[in-house]
Amino acid sequence: MPNTRSARKRVRQSERNRLRNKMYKSRIKTAIRRLEEALAGGDDGAIQAALRRAMSAIDRAALRGAIHRNAAARKKSRLAQRLKKLGRAL
C-alpha cells in the first residue's frame, strides 16, 4: 500500500495510463485482425482501407507512447511484407 499522498497519486496515474495503453494495443490487434480478414476476402478496396486503419492505429499508439516507435515500425514493416508476399500493392 502507498504511504504518502504522492505515492497514492502515482498509483492512480499508473492505473489510468495502463488502461489507456491497453486500449491502444487492443485497437492495433483489432485493426490487424480486420486486415487479415480483408486479405482472406480478397477485395482490394477493403484491403486498402483495412491497411490504412491498421497503419494509423499503430502510428497513433506509438505517438502516445503505448508502444515503442521501433515496435511500431516493425509491425508496419511486417504488414507490408505480408501484403507484398501475397502480391498486393501498397
N, C-alpha and C. Protein backbone atom coordinates (compact mmCIF):
# COMPACT_ATOMS: atom_id res chain seq x y z
N MET A 1 0.84 -1.19 0.00
CA MET A 1 0.00 0.00 0.00
C MET A 1 0.88 1.25 0.00
N PRO A 2 0.49 2.26 -0.79
CA PRO A 2 1.25 3.50 -0.79
C PRO A 2 1.07 4.25 0.53
N ASN A 3 2.14 4.85 1.00
CA ASN A 3 2.10 5.51 2.30
C ASN A 3 1.94 7.01 2.20
N THR A 4 2.38 7.61 1.11
CA THR A 4 2.32 9.06 1.01
C THR A 4 1.26 9.47 -0.01
N ARG A 5 0.88 10.74 0.04
CA ARG A 5 -0.11 11.26 -0.90
C ARG A 5 0.40 11.13 -2.33
N SER A 6 1.67 11.44 -2.51
CA SER A 6 2.22 11.40 -3.87
C SER A 6 2.26 9.96 -4.40
N ALA A 7 2.52 9.00 -3.51
CA ALA A 7 2.54 7.60 -3.92
C ALA A 7 1.13 7.13 -4.30
N ARG A 8 0.13 7.59 -3.53
CA ARG A 8 -1.25 7.24 -3.87
C ARG A 8 -1.64 7.83 -5.23
N LYS A 9 -1.19 9.04 -5.48
CA LYS A 9 -1.48 9.69 -6.76
C LYS A 9 -0.80 8.91 -7.90
N ARG A 10 0.43 8.49 -7.69
CA ARG A 10 1.14 7.73 -8.73
C ARG A 10 0.43 6.42 -9.03
N VAL A 11 -0.14 5.78 -8.02
CA VAL A 11 -0.90 4.55 -8.23
C VAL A 11 -2.10 4.83 -9.12
N ARG A 12 -2.81 5.92 -8.84
CA ARG A 12 -3.96 6.29 -9.66
C ARG A 12 -3.53 6.60 -11.10
N GLN A 13 -2.45 7.34 -11.25
CA GLN A 13 -1.98 7.68 -12.59
C GLN A 13 -1.52 6.44 -13.35
N SER A 14 -0.83 5.56 -12.67
CA SER A 14 -0.33 4.35 -13.31
C SER A 14 -1.48 3.48 -13.82
N GLU A 15 -2.53 3.36 -13.02
CA GLU A 15 -3.67 2.56 -13.43
C GLU A 15 -4.37 3.19 -14.64
N ARG A 16 -4.54 4.50 -14.60
CA ARG A 16 -5.17 5.20 -15.72
C ARG A 16 -4.34 5.03 -17.00
N ASN A 17 -3.03 5.18 -16.89
CA ASN A 17 -2.16 5.02 -18.05
C ASN A 17 -2.14 3.58 -18.55
N ARG A 18 -2.19 2.63 -17.64
CA ARG A 18 -2.21 1.22 -18.04
C ARG A 18 -3.44 0.91 -18.86
N LEU A 19 -4.58 1.41 -18.42
CA LEU A 19 -5.83 1.17 -19.15
C LEU A 19 -5.81 1.86 -20.52
N ARG A 20 -5.24 3.06 -20.58
CA ARG A 20 -5.15 3.78 -21.85
C ARG A 20 -4.24 3.03 -22.82
N ASN A 21 -3.09 2.56 -22.33
CA ASN A 21 -2.17 1.80 -23.19
C ASN A 21 -2.81 0.51 -23.66
N LYS A 22 -3.57 -0.13 -22.79
CA LYS A 22 -4.27 -1.37 -23.14
C LYS A 22 -5.26 -1.11 -24.27
N MET A 23 -5.95 0.03 -24.22
CA MET A 23 -6.90 0.39 -25.26
C MET A 23 -6.19 0.54 -26.61
N TYR A 24 -5.06 1.25 -26.62
CA TYR A 24 -4.33 1.45 -27.88
C TYR A 24 -3.83 0.12 -28.45
N LYS A 25 -3.30 -0.74 -27.58
CA LYS A 25 -2.80 -2.03 -28.04
C LYS A 25 -3.92 -2.90 -28.57
N SER A 26 -5.09 -2.83 -27.92
CA SER A 26 -6.23 -3.60 -28.38
C SER A 26 -6.69 -3.11 -29.76
N ARG A 27 -6.66 -1.80 -29.96
CA ARG A 27 -7.03 -1.25 -31.26
C ARG A 27 -6.11 -1.74 -32.36
N ILE A 28 -4.81 -1.86 -32.05
CA ILE A 28 -3.86 -2.37 -33.04
C ILE A 28 -4.20 -3.80 -33.40
N LYS A 29 -4.44 -4.63 -32.39
CA LYS A 29 -4.74 -6.05 -32.63
C LYS A 29 -6.01 -6.20 -33.45
N THR A 30 -7.03 -5.39 -33.14
CA THR A 30 -8.28 -5.46 -33.88
C THR A 30 -8.08 -5.05 -35.32
N ALA A 31 -7.33 -3.97 -35.54
CA ALA A 31 -7.09 -3.49 -36.91
C ALA A 31 -6.32 -4.52 -37.72
N ILE A 32 -5.35 -5.17 -37.12
CA ILE A 32 -4.57 -6.19 -37.83
C ILE A 32 -5.45 -7.40 -38.13
N ARG A 33 -6.30 -7.78 -37.18
CA ARG A 33 -7.21 -8.91 -37.42
C ARG A 33 -8.16 -8.59 -38.57
N ARG A 34 -8.67 -7.36 -38.61
CA ARG A 34 -9.58 -6.98 -39.69
C ARG A 34 -8.85 -6.93 -41.03
N LEU A 35 -7.58 -6.56 -41.02
CA LEU A 35 -6.79 -6.59 -42.25
C LEU A 35 -6.63 -8.03 -42.74
N GLU A 36 -6.37 -8.94 -41.82
CA GLU A 36 -6.22 -10.35 -42.20
C GLU A 36 -7.54 -10.90 -42.76
N GLU A 37 -8.66 -10.47 -42.17
CA GLU A 37 -9.95 -10.90 -42.69
C GLU A 37 -10.19 -10.35 -44.09
N ALA A 38 -9.77 -9.10 -44.33
CA ALA A 38 -9.91 -8.49 -45.66
C ALA A 38 -9.03 -9.21 -46.66
N LEU A 39 -7.82 -9.61 -46.23
CA LEU A 39 -6.93 -10.36 -47.12
C LEU A 39 -7.55 -11.70 -47.50
N ALA A 40 -8.21 -12.33 -46.54
CA ALA A 40 -8.86 -13.60 -46.83
C ALA A 40 -10.03 -13.40 -47.79
N GLY A 41 -10.71 -12.25 -47.68
CA GLY A 41 -11.83 -11.96 -48.56
C GLY A 41 -11.39 -11.65 -49.98
N GLY A 42 -10.27 -10.99 -50.13
CA GLY A 42 -9.72 -10.73 -51.45
C GLY A 42 -10.16 -9.45 -52.12
N ASP A 43 -11.00 -8.63 -51.47
CA ASP A 43 -11.45 -7.37 -52.06
C ASP A 43 -10.37 -6.30 -51.87
N ASP A 44 -9.85 -5.78 -53.00
CA ASP A 44 -8.74 -4.82 -52.92
C ASP A 44 -9.12 -3.55 -52.18
N GLY A 45 -10.33 -3.06 -52.37
CA GLY A 45 -10.77 -1.85 -51.68
C GLY A 45 -10.80 -2.05 -50.17
N ALA A 46 -11.31 -3.19 -49.75
CA ALA A 46 -11.38 -3.49 -48.32
C ALA A 46 -9.98 -3.66 -47.74
N ILE A 47 -9.09 -4.26 -48.52
CA ILE A 47 -7.72 -4.46 -48.06
C ILE A 47 -7.03 -3.12 -47.85
N GLN A 48 -7.17 -2.21 -48.83
CA GLN A 48 -6.53 -0.90 -48.72
C GLN A 48 -7.07 -0.12 -47.52
N ALA A 49 -8.38 -0.17 -47.31
CA ALA A 49 -8.98 0.53 -46.18
C ALA A 49 -8.51 -0.06 -44.86
N ALA A 50 -8.48 -1.38 -44.78
CA ALA A 50 -8.04 -2.05 -43.55
C ALA A 50 -6.57 -1.77 -43.27
N LEU A 51 -5.77 -1.74 -44.33
CA LEU A 51 -4.34 -1.43 -44.16
C LEU A 51 -4.15 -0.01 -43.65
N ARG A 52 -4.90 0.91 -44.21
CA ARG A 52 -4.80 2.31 -43.78
C ARG A 52 -5.19 2.44 -42.31
N ARG A 53 -6.26 1.76 -41.89
CA ARG A 53 -6.68 1.81 -40.48
C ARG A 53 -5.64 1.17 -39.57
N ALA A 54 -5.05 0.06 -40.01
CA ALA A 54 -4.06 -0.62 -39.18
C ALA A 54 -2.81 0.25 -39.00
N MET A 55 -2.32 0.82 -40.10
CA MET A 55 -1.14 1.68 -40.02
C MET A 55 -1.42 2.89 -39.13
N SER A 56 -2.60 3.45 -39.25
CA SER A 56 -2.97 4.61 -38.44
C SER A 56 -3.03 4.25 -36.96
N ALA A 57 -3.61 3.10 -36.65
CA ALA A 57 -3.69 2.67 -35.25
C ALA A 57 -2.31 2.44 -34.67
N ILE A 58 -1.42 1.86 -35.46
CA ILE A 58 -0.05 1.61 -35.00
C ILE A 58 0.67 2.93 -34.76
N ASP A 59 0.55 3.86 -35.72
CA ASP A 59 1.20 5.17 -35.57
C ASP A 59 0.68 5.92 -34.36
N ARG A 60 -0.64 5.86 -34.16
CA ARG A 60 -1.24 6.58 -33.04
C ARG A 60 -0.76 6.01 -31.71
N ALA A 61 -0.65 4.71 -31.60
CA ALA A 61 -0.18 4.09 -30.36
C ALA A 61 1.27 4.47 -30.09
N ALA A 62 2.08 4.51 -31.14
CA ALA A 62 3.49 4.89 -30.96
C ALA A 62 3.61 6.35 -30.56
N LEU A 63 2.79 7.20 -31.17
CA LEU A 63 2.81 8.63 -30.85
C LEU A 63 2.44 8.86 -29.39
N ARG A 64 1.49 8.09 -28.88
CA ARG A 64 1.05 8.25 -27.50
C ARG A 64 1.97 7.55 -26.50
N GLY A 65 2.90 6.73 -26.99
CA GLY A 65 3.82 6.06 -26.10
C GLY A 65 3.33 4.71 -25.60
N ALA A 66 2.24 4.21 -26.17
CA ALA A 66 1.74 2.90 -25.74
C ALA A 66 2.66 1.79 -26.21
N ILE A 67 3.28 1.98 -27.38
CA ILE A 67 4.31 1.05 -27.86
C ILE A 67 5.51 1.87 -28.31
N HIS A 68 6.65 1.25 -28.34
CA HIS A 68 7.88 1.92 -28.76
C HIS A 68 7.84 2.19 -30.26
N ARG A 69 8.48 3.26 -30.69
CA ARG A 69 8.43 3.61 -32.12
C ARG A 69 9.08 2.55 -32.99
N ASN A 70 10.09 1.85 -32.47
CA ASN A 70 10.70 0.77 -33.26
C ASN A 70 9.75 -0.43 -33.37
N ALA A 71 8.98 -0.67 -32.32
CA ALA A 71 7.99 -1.75 -32.37
C ALA A 71 6.91 -1.42 -33.40
N ALA A 72 6.54 -0.13 -33.46
CA ALA A 72 5.55 0.30 -34.45
C ALA A 72 6.09 0.11 -35.86
N ALA A 73 7.34 0.50 -36.07
CA ALA A 73 7.95 0.35 -37.39
C ALA A 73 8.04 -1.12 -37.78
N ARG A 74 8.36 -1.97 -36.82
CA ARG A 74 8.46 -3.40 -37.09
C ARG A 74 7.09 -3.99 -37.47
N LYS A 75 6.05 -3.59 -36.75
CA LYS A 75 4.71 -4.09 -37.06
C LYS A 75 4.28 -3.64 -38.45
N LYS A 76 4.53 -2.38 -38.78
CA LYS A 76 4.14 -1.86 -40.09
C LYS A 76 4.93 -2.55 -41.20
N SER A 77 6.20 -2.78 -40.96
CA SER A 77 7.04 -3.46 -41.95
C SER A 77 6.55 -4.87 -42.21
N ARG A 78 6.19 -5.57 -41.14
CA ARG A 78 5.73 -6.95 -41.30
C ARG A 78 4.39 -7.01 -42.03
N LEU A 79 3.53 -6.03 -41.78
CA LEU A 79 2.27 -5.98 -42.52
C LEU A 79 2.54 -5.74 -44.01
N ALA A 80 3.46 -4.83 -44.31
CA ALA A 80 3.79 -4.54 -45.70
C ALA A 80 4.41 -5.76 -46.38
N GLN A 81 5.26 -6.47 -45.66
CA GLN A 81 5.87 -7.68 -46.21
C GLN A 81 4.81 -8.73 -46.51
N ARG A 82 3.84 -8.86 -45.62
CA ARG A 82 2.78 -9.86 -45.82
C ARG A 82 1.96 -9.52 -47.05
N LEU A 83 1.65 -8.23 -47.25
CA LEU A 83 0.90 -7.84 -48.44
C LEU A 83 1.72 -8.08 -49.70
N LYS A 84 3.00 -7.76 -49.63
CA LYS A 84 3.87 -7.94 -50.80
C LYS A 84 3.98 -9.42 -51.16
N LYS A 85 4.06 -10.27 -50.14
CA LYS A 85 4.18 -11.69 -50.37
C LYS A 85 2.93 -12.25 -51.07
N LEU A 86 1.77 -11.66 -50.75
CA LEU A 86 0.53 -12.10 -51.37
C LEU A 86 0.30 -11.45 -52.73
N GLY A 87 1.24 -10.59 -53.16
CA GLY A 87 1.11 -9.96 -54.47
C GLY A 87 0.22 -8.75 -54.46
N ARG A 88 -0.02 -8.18 -53.30
CA ARG A 88 -0.86 -6.98 -53.19
C ARG A 88 0.04 -5.75 -53.13
N ALA A 89 -0.30 -4.75 -53.90
CA ALA A 89 0.46 -3.50 -53.85
C ALA A 89 -0.01 -2.67 -52.66
N LEU A 90 0.90 -1.84 -52.14
CA LEU A 90 0.53 -0.97 -51.03
C LEU A 90 -0.25 0.19 -51.52
